[in-house]
Amino acid sequence: MAPGWFLSFFPTGMVGSGNLADIVLGYDTVDKYKNDSAYFGAIVGRVANRIGGAQFTLNGEHYKLVANERNNTLHGGRRGFSDVVWTVKSYEPDSYITFTYDSYDGEQGFPGDLSVSVTFLLIETNKLGIKMEAKALKKATPVNLALHTYWNLGGHNSGNILSHEIQLFASRITPVDSQLIPTGQISDIKGSAYDFLQPRDIGSQINKLPAGYDINYVLDGHGHEHLNKVAVLREKMSGREMELWSNQVGVQFYTGNYLDNVKGKGGFVYSNHSGLCLETQGFPDSVNHPNFPSQIINPGETYKHVMIFRFTA
């Protein structure tokens, strides 16, 4: 199983009167994660999100991937990084833990051996850091790792997240087709249902969308060198607030549209919109869109992805 699922058990008191585990959707036992199809708390990859047609061409060679959502590849394939066994490389109680995984050449169709590490860090009294790195060893390969945690600041068992207020520091999205594959366009969202440049409730315009939010936002002023603010999420009843900072160029905002009677912690049943994901990432299907920022990591290069969550109440 992928690192990250343990956040749903995390006892540390980062969120005012509650623990981090209180606001993360998940299961009661580790065994339940073995058959999880919602990607609760998973690190997903080798390439997170979708690759259209489960194929791409790189350096003149065509690669056919394992399709696991219609004819497309989602979150790395049928057995992506969320379904493999990771190794604990090192840890320090109340400080950090580092997981590693060695992905082999041809795994789920992807080229080249890849050495991957993910570190979760406790920073000061109210911050959680995640550092994801991957090094291509012999062949160039696409890499796009993402953390698929579902958040509900009212409590994992408090109902839906439609009354949460969110601000996203992004003025454009990458539109998708009926199978949620990017069209290759980059579109301005000002004044649309996707516009969260100013804080507003998630549910305020969600009825204008077919199922809810599940789209990549193009973050304003972001590159791979510096951390920038991605989002601010607030829950009014509890007074809890979560800030997200990252060095990535995009973030997938997903409102749990396909959660369907999933029995979670304490026997609580999660339904659609019970939680939301903020998955910082490269653009989906970038391997098939030359106008998107490249996700290709060449031999000797290292992919670096940093996320910082800051909690207040």
C-alpha atoms as a PDB file:
ATOM      1  CA  MET A   1       0.000   0.000   0.000  1.00  0.00           C
ATOM      2  CA  ALA A   2       1.070   3.547  -0.602  1.00  0.00           C
ATOM      3  CA  PRO A   3       2.239   5.907   2.117  1.00  0.00           C
ATOM      4  CA  GLY A   4      -0.334   8.469   3.108  1.00  0.00           C
ATOM      5  CA  TRP A   5      -3.118   6.160   4.292  1.00  0.00           C
ATOM      6  CA  PHE A   6      -1.761   6.490   7.847  1.00  0.00           C
ATOM      7  CA  LEU A   7      -2.922  10.125   7.926  1.00  0.00           C
ATOM      8  CA  SER A   8      -6.415   8.796   8.653  1.00  0.00           C
ATOM      9  CA  PHE A   9      -5.034   7.432  11.957  1.00  0.00           C
ATOM     10  CA  PHE A  10      -2.705  10.367  12.692  1.00  0.00           C
ATOM     11  CA  PRO A  11      -3.127  11.424  16.354  1.00  0.00           C
ATOM     12  CA  THR A  12      -1.200  14.693  16.269  1.00  0.00           C
ATOM     13  CA  GLY A  13      -3.220  17.731  17.366  1.00  0.00           C
ATOM     14  CA  MET A  14      -2.705  20.124  14.449  1.00  0.00           C
ATOM     15  CA  VAL A  15      -6.269  21.291  13.995  1.00  0.00           C
ATOM     16  CA  GLY A  16      -7.237  23.144  17.148  1.00  0.00           C
ATOM     17  CA  SER A  17      -9.286  20.907  19.421  1.00  0.00           C
ATOM     18  CA  GLY A  18      -9.013  17.927  17.065  1.00  0.00           C
ATOM     19  CA  ASN A  19      -6.446  15.644  15.512  1.00  0.00           C
ATOM     20  CA  LEU A  20      -5.405  15.427  11.877  1.00  0.00           C
ATOM     21  CA  ALA A  21      -7.131  12.037  11.677  1.00  0.00           C
ATOM     22  CA  ASP A  22     -10.455  13.715  12.515  1.00  0.00           C
ATOM     23  CA  ILE A  23     -10.552  15.620   9.219  1.00  0.00           C
ATOM     24  CA  VAL A  24      -9.237  12.897   6.871  1.00  0.00           C
ATOM     25  CA  LEU A  25     -11.534  10.316   5.281  1.00  0.00           C
ATOM     26  CA  GLY A  26     -10.382   6.709   5.517  1.00  0.00           C
ATOM     27  CA  TYR A  27     -10.903   3.233   6.923  1.00  0.00           C
ATOM     28  CA  ASP A  28     -10.705   1.710  10.414  1.00  0.00           C
ATOM     29  CA  THR A  29      -8.073  -0.897   9.574  1.00  0.00           C
ATOM     30  CA  VAL A  30      -5.042  -1.155   7.331  1.00  0.00           C
ATOM     31  CA  ASP A  31      -6.445  -4.276   5.616  1.00  0.00           C
ATOM     32  CA  LYS A  32      -9.369  -2.315   4.152  1.00  0.00           C
ATOM     33  CA  TYR A  33      -6.951  -0.196   2.149  1.00  0.00           C
ATOM     34  CA  LYS A  34      -5.891  -3.274   0.159  1.00  0.00           C
ATOM     35  CA  ASN A  35      -9.179  -3.223  -1.773  1.00  0.00           C
ATOM     36  CA  ASP A  36      -9.679   0.536  -1.786  1.00  0.00           C
ATOM     37  CA  SER A  37     -10.895   1.998  -5.077  1.00  0.00           C
ATOM     38  CA  ALA A  38     -11.289   5.600  -3.840  1.00  0.00           C
ATOM     39  CA  TYR A  39      -7.510   6.150  -3.402  1.00  0.00           C
ATOM     40  CA  PHE A  40      -8.015   7.299   0.208  1.00  0.00           C
ATOM     41  CA  GLY A  41      -4.775   9.000   1.285  1.00  0.00           C
ATOM     42  CA  ALA A  42      -2.761   7.355  -1.494  1.00  0.00           C
ATOM     43  CA  ILE A  43       0.383   8.514  -3.218  1.00  0.00           C
ATOM     44  CA  VAL A  44      -0.597   7.929  -6.842  1.00  0.00           C
ATOM     45  CA  GLY A  45       1.755   7.450  -9.801  1.00  0.00           C
ATOM     46  CA  ARG A  46       3.955   6.783 -11.727  1.00  0.00           C
ATOM     47  CA  VAL A  47       1.781   9.357 -13.479  1.00  0.00           C
ATOM     48  CA  ALA A  48      -1.151  10.694 -11.475  1.00  0.00           C
ATOM     49  CA  ASN A  49      -4.454  11.606 -13.100  1.00  0.00           C
ATOM     50  CA  ARG A  50      -5.330  10.467 -16.625  1.00  0.00           C
ATOM     51  CA  ILE A  51      -3.426   9.550 -19.782  1.00  0.00           C
ATOM     52  CA  GLY A  52      -5.702   9.500 -22.807  1.00  0.00           C
ATOM     53  CA  GLY A  53      -5.846   6.256 -24.755  1.00  0.00           C
ATOM     54  CA  ALA A  54      -3.395   4.692 -22.280  1.00  0.00           C
ATOM     55  CA  GLN A  55      -0.508   5.528 -24.595  1.00  0.00           C
ATOM     56  CA  PHE A  56       2.123   8.104 -25.480  1.00  0.00           C
ATOM     57  CA  THR A  57       5.255   8.506 -27.595  1.00  0.00           C
ATOM     58  CA  LEU A  58       8.603   9.506 -26.102  1.00  0.00           C
ATOM     59  CA  ASN A  59      11.891   9.939 -27.974  1.00  0.00           C
ATOM     60  CA  GLY A  60      10.417   8.217 -31.022  1.00  0.00           C
ATOM     61  CA  GLU A  61       9.212   5.143 -29.123  1.00  0.00           C
ATOM     62  CA  HIS A  62       5.537   4.374 -28.615  1.00  0.00           C
ATOM     63  CA  TYR A  63       4.463   3.128 -25.181  1.00  0.00           C
ATOM     64  CA  LYS A  64       1.187   1.294 -24.527  1.00  0.00           C
ATOM     65  CA  LEU A  65       0.105   1.452 -20.902  1.00  0.00           C
ATOM     66  CA  VAL A  66      -2.282  -0.618 -18.807  1.00  0.00           C
ATOM     67  CA  ALA A  67      -5.764   0.901 -19.151  1.00  0.00           C
ATOM     68  CA  ASN A  68      -7.884   0.891 -15.998  1.00  0.00           C
ATOM     69  CA  GLU A  69     -10.590   3.484 -16.704  1.00  0.00           C
ATOM     70  CA  ARG A  70     -12.318   2.780 -20.019  1.00  0.00           C
ATOM     71  CA  ASN A  71      -9.504   3.028 -22.575  1.00  0.00           C
ATOM     72  CA  ASN A  72      -7.444   5.398 -20.448  1.00  0.00           C
ATOM     73  CA  THR A  73      -4.866   5.099 -17.684  1.00  0.00           C
ATOM     74  CA  LEU A  74      -5.802   6.585 -14.308  1.00  0.00           C
ATOM     75  CA  HIS A  75      -3.307   7.126 -11.467  1.00  0.00           C
ATOM     76  CA  GLY A  76      -0.618   4.888 -12.953  1.00  0.00           C
ATOM     77  CA  GLY A  77      -2.670   1.927 -14.134  1.00  0.00           C
ATOM     78  CA  ARG A  78      -4.358  -1.121 -12.655  1.00  0.00           C
ATOM     79  CA  ARG A  79      -1.539  -1.537 -10.131  1.00  0.00           C
ATOM     80  CA  GLY A  80      -0.169   1.952  -9.676  1.00  0.00           C
ATOM     81  CA  PHE A  81       1.889   3.277  -6.789  1.00  0.00           C
ATOM     82  CA  SER A  82      -1.201   3.221  -4.556  1.00  0.00           C
ATOM     83  CA  ASP A  83      -1.256  -0.596  -4.712  1.00  0.00           C
ATOM     84  CA  VAL A  84       2.394  -1.535  -4.244  1.00  0.00           C
ATOM     85  CA  VAL A  85       4.352  -2.217  -1.057  1.00  0.00           C
ATOM     86  CA  TRP A  86       6.577   0.662   0.015  1.00  0.00           C
ATOM     87  CA  THR A  87       9.541   0.394   2.381  1.00  0.00           C
ATOM     88  CA  VAL A  88      10.064   2.566   5.459  1.00  0.00           C
ATOM     89  CA  LYS A  89      13.571   3.916   4.914  1.00  0.00           C
ATOM     90  CA  SER A  90      13.858   6.062   8.040  1.00  0.00           C
ATOM     91  CA  TYR A  91      11.750   7.772  10.652  1.00  0.00           C
ATOM     92  CA  GLU A  92      11.979   9.892  13.761  1.00  0.00           C
ATOM     93  CA  PRO A  93       9.018   9.829  16.179  1.00  0.00           C
ATOM     94  CA  ASP A  94       7.054  13.095  16.171  1.00  0.00           C
ATOM     95  CA  SER A  95       9.271  14.395  13.373  1.00  0.00           C
ATOM     96  CA  TYR A  96       9.239  12.580  10.004  1.00  0.00           C
ATOM     97  CA  ILE A  97       8.909   9.289   8.141  1.00  0.00           C
ATOM     98  CA  THR A  98      10.341   8.423   4.707  1.00  0.00           C
ATOM     99  CA  PHE A  99       8.999   5.700   2.392  1.00  0.00           C
ATOM    100  CA  THR A 100      10.757   4.396  -0.722  1.00  0.00           C
ATOM    101  CA  TYR A 101       9.740   2.353  -3.741  1.00  0.00           C
ATOM    102  CA  ASP A 102      11.742   1.106  -6.731  1.00  0.00           C
ATOM    103  CA  SER A 103       9.592   1.021  -9.854  1.00  0.00           C
ATOM    104  CA  TYR A 104      10.895  -1.268 -12.568  1.00  0.00           C
ATOM    105  CA  ASP A 105      11.256  -0.723 -16.311  1.00  0.00           C
ATOM    106  CA  GLY A 106       7.943  -1.643 -17.988  1.00  0.00           C
ATOM    107  CA  GLU A 107       5.816  -1.456 -14.840  1.00  0.00           C
ATOM    108  CA  GLN A 108       2.247  -0.785 -16.057  1.00  0.00           C
ATOM    109  CA  GLY A 109       3.878  -0.018 -19.421  1.00  0.00           C
ATOM    110  CA  PHE A 110       6.037   2.925 -18.306  1.00  0.00           C
ATOM    111  CA  PRO A 111       9.660   3.078 -19.475  1.00  0.00           C
ATOM    112  CA  GLY A 112      12.707   2.938 -17.243  1.00  0.00           C
ATOM    113  CA  ASP A 113      13.632   2.114 -13.686  1.00  0.00           C
ATOM    114  CA  LEU A 114      12.562   4.815 -11.234  1.00  0.00           C
ATOM    115  CA  SER A 115      13.690   5.303  -7.640  1.00  0.00           C
ATOM    116  CA  VAL A 116      10.959   7.025  -5.599  1.00  0.00           C
ATOM    117  CA  SER A 117      10.839   8.466  -2.082  1.00  0.00           C
ATOM    118  CA  VAL A 118       8.106  10.215  -0.089  1.00  0.00           C
ATOM    119  CA  THR A 119       8.707  11.980   3.231  1.00  0.00           C
ATOM    120  CA  PHE A 120       6.024  13.207   5.624  1.00  0.00           C
ATOM    121  CA  LEU A 121       7.262  15.869   8.061  1.00  0.00           C
ATOM    122  CA  LEU A 122       5.743  17.549  11.090  1.00  0.00           C
ATOM    123  CA  ILE A 123       6.768  21.220  11.009  1.00  0.00           C
ATOM    124  CA  GLU A 124       6.391  23.356  14.124  1.00  0.00           C
ATOM    125  CA  THR A 125       3.007  22.736  15.783  1.00  0.00           C
ATOM    126  CA  ASN A 126       0.562  23.193  12.919  1.00  0.00           C
ATOM    127  CA  LYS A 127       2.181  22.286   9.606  1.00  0.00           C
ATOM    128  CA  LEU A 128       2.432  19.055   7.626  1.00  0.00           C
ATOM    129  CA  GLY A 129       5.019  18.774   4.878  1.00  0.00           C
ATOM    130  CA  ILE A 130       5.199  16.180   2.095  1.00  0.00           C
ATOM    131  CA  LYS A 131       8.270  15.848  -0.100  1.00  0.00           C
ATOM    132  CA  MET A 132       8.066  13.523  -3.111  1.00  0.00           C
ATOM    133  CA  GLU A 133      11.160  12.758  -5.181  1.00  0.00           C
ATOM    134  CA  ALA A 134      11.835  10.391  -8.070  1.00  0.00           C
ATOM    135  CA  LYS A 135      15.041   9.711  -9.972  1.00  0.00           C
ATOM    136  CA  ALA A 136      15.107   8.181 -13.462  1.00  0.00           C
ATOM    137  CA  LEU A 137      17.946   5.674 -13.674  1.00  0.00           C
ATOM    138  CA  LYS A 138      18.425   4.518 -17.292  1.00  0.00           C
ATOM    139  CA  LYS A 139      15.595   5.816 -19.483  1.00  0.00           C
ATOM    140  CA  ALA A 140      13.588   9.006 -19.785  1.00  0.00           C
ATOM    141  CA  THR A 141      10.119   8.620 -18.294  1.00  0.00           C
ATOM    142  CA  PRO A 142       7.104  10.735 -17.351  1.00  0.00           C
ATOM    143  CA  VAL A 143       6.643  11.319 -13.614  1.00  0.00           C
ATOM    144  CA  ASN A 144       3.709  13.014 -11.905  1.00  0.00           C
ATOM    145  CA  LEU A 145       3.119  12.010  -8.288  1.00  0.00           C
ATOM    146  CA  ALA A 146       0.145  13.237  -6.256  1.00  0.00           C
ATOM    147  CA  LEU A 147      -1.263  12.919  -2.750  1.00  0.00           C
ATOM    148  CA  HIS A 148      -4.907  11.778  -2.879  1.00  0.00           C
ATOM    149  CA  THR A 149      -6.063  12.675   0.639  1.00  0.00           C
ATOM    150  CA  TYR A 150      -9.748  13.471   1.130  1.00  0.00           C
ATOM    151  CA  TRP A 151     -10.353  16.376   3.544  1.00  0.00           C
ATOM    152  CA  ASN A 152     -13.417  17.430   5.495  1.00  0.00           C
ATOM    153  CA  LEU A 153     -12.569  20.170   7.997  1.00  0.00           C
ATOM    154  CA  GLY A 154     -15.880  19.673   9.786  1.00  0.00           C
ATOM    155  CA  GLY A 155     -14.836  16.111  10.605  1.00  0.00           C
ATOM    156  CA  HIS A 156     -14.641  13.030   8.409  1.00  0.00           C
ATOM    157  CA  ASN A 157     -18.100  11.987   9.635  1.00  0.00           C
ATOM    158  CA  SER A 158     -19.763  15.414   9.519  1.00  0.00           C
ATOM    159  CA  GLY A 159     -21.502  15.150   6.153  1.00  0.00           C
ATOM    160  CA  ASN A 160     -20.679  16.910   2.896  1.00  0.00           C
ATOM    161  CA  ILE A 161     -18.150  19.647   2.163  1.00  0.00           C
ATOM    162  CA  LEU A 162     -20.462  21.902   0.102  1.00  0.00           C
ATOM    163  CA  SER A 163     -20.562  24.598   2.800  1.00  0.00           C
ATOM    164  CA  HIS A 164     -16.751  24.752   3.021  1.00  0.00           C
ATOM    165  CA  GLU A 165     -15.382  28.029   1.715  1.00  0.00           C
ATOM    166  CA  ILE A 166     -12.459  27.740  -0.697  1.00  0.00           C
ATOM    167  CA  GLN A 167     -10.112  30.110  -2.474  1.00  0.00           C
ATOM    168  CA  LEU A 168      -7.980  28.789  -5.341  1.00  0.00           C
ATOM    169  CA  PHE A 169      -5.094  30.873  -6.638  1.00  0.00           C
ATOM    170  CA  ALA A 170      -5.706  29.982 -10.255  1.00  0.00           C
ATOM    171  CA  SER A 171      -7.384  31.890 -13.060  1.00  0.00           C
ATOM    172  CA  ARG A 172      -7.328  29.114 -15.696  1.00  0.00           C
ATOM    173  CA  ILE A 173      -8.154  25.417 -16.072  1.00  0.00           C
ATOM    174  CA  THR A 174      -7.358  22.656 -18.555  1.00  0.00           C
ATOM    175  CA  PRO A 175     -10.816  21.727 -19.945  1.00  0.00           C
ATOM    176  CA  VAL A 176     -11.668  18.057 -20.415  1.00  0.00           C
ATOM    177  CA  ASP A 177     -13.831  15.892 -22.656  1.00  0.00           C
ATOM    178  CA  SER A 178     -16.583  13.475 -21.591  1.00  0.00           C
ATOM    179  CA  GLN A 179     -13.955  10.991 -20.324  1.00  0.00           C
ATOM    180  CA  LEU A 180     -12.162  13.695 -18.285  1.00  0.00           C
ATOM    181  CA  ILE A 181      -9.203  13.772 -20.691  1.00  0.00           C
ATOM    182  CA  PRO A 182      -7.787  17.269 -21.318  1.00  0.00           C
ATOM    183  CA  THR A 183      -8.584  18.716 -24.723  1.00  0.00           C
ATOM    184  CA  GLY A 184      -5.223  20.520 -24.822  1.00  0.00           C
ATOM    185  CA  GLN A 185      -6.782  23.935 -24.306  1.00  0.00           C
ATOM    186  CA  ILE A 186      -6.043  26.245 -21.394  1.00  0.00           C
ATOM    187  CA  SER A 187      -9.104  28.357 -20.608  1.00  0.00           C
ATOM    188  CA  ASP A 188      -9.777  31.451 -18.543  1.00  0.00           C
ATOM    189  CA  ILE A 189     -12.411  30.856 -15.841  1.00  0.00           C
ATOM    190  CA  LYS A 190     -13.234  34.382 -14.658  1.00  0.00           C
ATOM    191  CA  GLY A 191     -16.916  34.650 -13.796  1.00  0.00           C
ATOM    192  CA  SER A 192     -17.633  30.955 -14.386  1.00  0.00           C
ATOM    193  CA  ALA A 193     -18.633  28.234 -11.923  1.00  0.00           C
ATOM    194  CA  TYR A 194     -14.944  27.295 -11.761  1.00  0.00           C
ATOM    195  CA  ASP A 195     -13.860  30.736 -10.531  1.00  0.00           C
ATOM    196  CA  PHE A 196     -12.652  30.591  -6.908  1.00  0.00           C
ATOM    197  CA  LEU A 197     -10.207  33.498  -7.103  1.00  0.00           C
ATOM    198  CA  GLN A 198     -12.310  35.085  -4.368  1.00  0.00           C
ATOM    199  CA  PRO A 199     -13.397  32.851  -1.472  1.00  0.00           C
ATOM    200  CA  ARG A 200     -16.863  31.316  -1.776  1.00  0.00           C
ATOM    201  CA  ASP A 201     -18.737  28.189  -0.751  1.00  0.00           C
ATOM    202  CA  ILE A 202     -17.977  25.083  -2.804  1.00  0.00           C
ATOM    203  CA  GLY A 203     -21.686  24.356  -3.228  1.00  0.00           C
ATOM    204  CA  SER A 204     -22.637  27.845  -4.384  1.00  0.00           C
ATOM    205  CA  GLN A 205     -22.465  26.973  -8.102  1.00  0.00           C
ATOM    206  CA  ILE A 206     -21.834  23.234  -8.109  1.00  0.00           C
ATOM    207  CA  ASN A 207     -25.285  22.603  -9.603  1.00  0.00           C
ATOM    208  CA  LYS A 208     -24.031  24.170 -12.834  1.00  0.00           C
ATOM    209  CA  LEU A 209     -21.684  21.197 -13.298  1.00  0.00           C
ATOM    210  CA  PRO A 210     -22.648  17.637 -14.283  1.00  0.00           C
ATOM    211  CA  ALA A 211     -21.383  15.941 -11.105  1.00  0.00           C
ATOM    212  CA  GLY A 212     -19.159  18.369  -9.243  1.00  0.00           C
ATOM    213  CA  TYR A 213     -15.606  19.620  -9.461  1.00  0.00           C
ATOM    214  CA  ASP A 214     -12.951  17.324 -10.919  1.00  0.00           C
ATOM    215  CA  ILE A 215     -10.625  19.557 -12.911  1.00  0.00           C
ATOM    216  CA  ASN A 216      -6.999  20.684 -13.098  1.00  0.00           C
ATOM    217  CA  TYR A 217      -6.473  24.316 -12.184  1.00  0.00           C
ATOM    218  CA  VAL A 218      -3.500  26.141 -13.726  1.00  0.00           C
ATOM    219  CA  LEU A 219      -1.888  27.830 -10.752  1.00  0.00           C
ATOM    220  CA  ASP A 220      -0.962  31.472 -11.163  1.00  0.00           C
ATOM    221  CA  GLY A 221       2.756  32.256 -11.028  1.00  0.00           C
ATOM    222  CA  HIS A 222       3.837  28.709 -10.263  1.00  0.00           C
ATOM    223  CA  GLY A 223       6.960  26.888 -11.394  1.00  0.00           C
ATOM    224  CA  HIS A 224       9.074  24.123  -9.934  1.00  0.00           C
ATOM    225  CA  GLU A 225      11.549  26.246  -7.988  1.00  0.00           C
ATOM    226  CA  HIS A 226       9.559  28.043  -5.290  1.00  0.00           C
ATOM    227  CA  LEU A 227       6.604  27.377  -3.019  1.00  0.00           C
ATOM    228  CA  ASN A 228       3.483  29.388  -3.765  1.00  0.00           C
ATOM    229  CA  LYS A 229       0.062  29.470  -2.175  1.00  0.00           C
ATOM    230  CA  VAL A 230      -2.349  27.053  -3.870  1.00  0.00           C
ATOM    231  CA  ALA A 231      -5.548  27.183  -1.824  1.00  0.00           C
ATOM    232  CA  VAL A 232      -7.211  28.277   1.397  1.00  0.00           C
ATOM    233  CA  LEU A 233     -10.024  26.108   2.764  1.00  0.00           C
ATOM    234  CA  ARG A 234     -12.309  27.124   5.644  1.00  0.00           C
ATOM    235  CA  GLU A 235     -15.096  25.394   7.565  1.00  0.00           C
ATOM    236  CA  LYS A 236     -17.273  27.919   9.377  1.00  0.00           C
ATOM    237  CA  MET A 237     -18.839  25.773  12.125  1.00  0.00           C
ATOM    238  CA  SER A 238     -15.523  24.482  13.490  1.00  0.00           C
ATOM    239  CA  GLY A 239     -13.517  27.575  12.573  1.00  0.00           C
ATOM    240  CA  ARG A 240     -10.853  25.357  11.048  1.00  0.00           C
ATOM    241  CA  GLU A 241      -8.741  26.619   8.179  1.00  0.00           C
ATOM    242  CA  MET A 242      -6.219  24.848   5.952  1.00  0.00           C
ATOM    243  CA  GLU A 243      -3.692  26.538   3.666  1.00  0.00           C
ATOM    244  CA  LEU A 244      -1.871  24.605   0.948  1.00  0.00           C
ATOM    245  CA  TRP A 245       1.463  25.655  -0.570  1.00  0.00           C
ATOM    246  CA  SER A 246       3.357  23.820  -3.326  1.00  0.00           C
ATOM    247  CA  ASN A 247       5.955  24.075  -6.089  1.00  0.00           C
ATOM    248  CA  GLN A 248       3.749  22.419  -8.718  1.00  0.00           C
ATOM    249  CA  VAL A 249       2.082  24.040 -11.743  1.00  0.00           C
ATOM    250  CA  GLY A 250      -1.405  22.582 -11.256  1.00  0.00           C
ATOM    251  CA  VAL A 251      -3.871  21.322  -8.677  1.00  0.00           C
ATOM    252  CA  GLN A 252      -6.723  18.878  -9.200  1.00  0.00           C
ATOM    253  CA  PHE A 253      -9.752  20.077  -7.266  1.00  0.00           C
ATOM    254  CA  TYR A 254     -12.032  17.073  -6.745  1.00  0.00           C
ATOM    255  CA  THR A 255     -15.211  17.108  -4.660  1.00  0.00           C
ATOM    256  CA  GLY A 256     -15.608  13.371  -4.091  1.00  0.00           C
ATOM    257  CA  ASN A 257     -18.196  13.069  -6.850  1.00  0.00           C
ATOM    258  CA  TYR A 258     -17.892   9.289  -7.138  1.00  0.00           C
ATOM    259  CA  LEU A 259     -17.881   8.311  -3.470  1.00  0.00           C
ATOM    260  CA  ASP A 260     -20.825   5.946  -3.278  1.00  0.00           C
ATOM    261  CA  ASN A 261     -21.797   4.393   0.060  1.00  0.00           C
ATOM    262  CA  VAL A 262     -18.198   3.692   1.136  1.00  0.00           C
ATOM    263  CA  LYS A 263     -18.076   2.388   4.718  1.00  0.00           C
ATOM    264  CA  GLY A 264     -15.311   4.310   6.450  1.00  0.00           C
ATOM    265  CA  LYS A 265     -13.949   4.952   9.917  1.00  0.00           C
ATOM    266  CA  GLY A 266     -16.289   4.241  12.802  1.00  0.00           C
ATOM    267  CA  GLY A 267     -18.781   2.703  10.386  1.00  0.00           C
ATOM    268  CA  PHE A 268     -19.625   6.095   8.900  1.00  0.00           C
ATOM    269  CA  VAL A 269     -20.791   5.815   5.287  1.00  0.00           C
ATOM    270  CA  TYR A 270     -19.195   8.270   2.878  1.00  0.00           C
ATOM    271  CA  SER A 271     -21.339   9.439  -0.027  1.00  0.00           C
ATOM    272  CA  ASN A 272     -20.671  11.896  -2.823  1.00  0.00           C
ATOM    273  CA  HIS A 273     -19.131  15.180  -1.644  1.00  0.00           C
ATOM    274  CA  SER A 274     -18.222  13.744   1.781  1.00  0.00           C
ATOM    275  CA  GLY A 275     -14.670  14.963   1.229  1.00  0.00           C
ATOM    276  CA  LEU A 276     -12.534  16.946  -1.189  1.00  0.00           C
ATOM    277  CA  CYS A 277      -9.092  16.489  -2.671  1.00  0.00           C
ATOM    278  CA  LEU A 278      -6.522  19.161  -3.502  1.00  0.00           C
ATOM    279  CA  GLU A 279      -3.914  17.250  -5.511  1.00  0.00           C
ATOM    280  CA  THR A 280      -0.993  19.424  -6.589  1.00  0.00           C
ATOM    281  CA  GLN A 281       0.432  18.023  -9.806  1.00  0.00           C
ATOM    282  CA  GLY A 282       1.663  18.483 -13.333  1.00  0.00           C
ATOM    283  CA  PHE A 283      -1.066  18.832 -15.943  1.00  0.00           C
ATOM    284  CA  PRO A 284      -3.045  15.641 -16.730  1.00  0.00           C
ATOM    285  CA  ASP A 285      -2.177  13.889 -20.007  1.00  0.00           C
ATOM    286  CA  SER A 286       0.774  16.223 -20.544  1.00  0.00           C
ATOM    287  CA  VAL A 287       2.605  13.416 -22.384  1.00  0.00           C
ATOM    288  CA  ASN A 288       0.109  13.865 -25.225  1.00  0.00           C
ATOM    289  CA  HIS A 289      -0.003  17.684 -25.228  1.00  0.00           C
ATOM    290  CA  PRO A 290       3.290  19.373 -26.177  1.00  0.00           C
ATOM    291  CA  ASN A 291       1.900  22.764 -25.095  1.00  0.00           C
ATOM    292  CA  PHE A 292       1.588  21.541 -21.479  1.00  0.00           C
ATOM    293  CA  PRO A 293       4.586  21.740 -19.095  1.00  0.00           C
ATOM    294  CA  SER A 294       6.727  18.629 -19.554  1.00  0.00           C
ATOM    295  CA  GLN A 295       6.702  15.827 -16.973  1.00  0.00           C
ATOM    296  CA  ILE A 296       9.627  13.983 -18.559  1.00  0.00           C
ATOM    297  CA  ILE A 297      12.499  13.126 -16.230  1.00  0.00           C
ATOM    298  CA  ASN A 298      15.737  12.129 -17.965  1.00  0.00           C
ATOM    299  CA  PRO A 299      18.342   9.741 -16.538  1.00  0.00           C
ATOM    300  CA  GLY A 300      20.196  11.401 -13.682  1.00  0.00           C
ATOM    301  CA  GLU A 301      17.498  14.030 -13.170  1.00  0.00           C
ATOM    302  CA  THR A 302      15.337  14.176 -10.058  1.00  0.00           C
ATOM    303  CA  TYR A 303      11.640  14.999  -9.911  1.00  0.00           C
ATOM    304  CA  LYS A 304      10.807  17.106  -6.843  1.00  0.00           C
ATOM    305  CA  HIS A 305       7.324  17.810  -5.513  1.00  0.00           C
ATOM    306  CA  VAL A 306       6.721  19.657  -2.237  1.00  0.00           C
ATOM    307  CA  MET A 307       3.446  20.299  -0.391  1.00  0.00           C
ATOM    308  CA  ILE A 308       2.981  22.244   2.859  1.00  0.00           C
ATOM    309  CA  PHE A 309      -0.326  22.200   4.728  1.00  0.00           C
ATOM    310  CA  ARG A 310      -0.872  24.825   7.443  1.00  0.00           C
ATOM    311  CA  PHE A 311      -3.756  24.352   9.878  1.00  0.00           C
ATOM    312  CA  THR A 312      -5.363  26.946  12.137  1.00  0.00           C
ATOM    313  CA  ALA A 313      -8.552  27.117  14.174  1.00  0.00           C
END
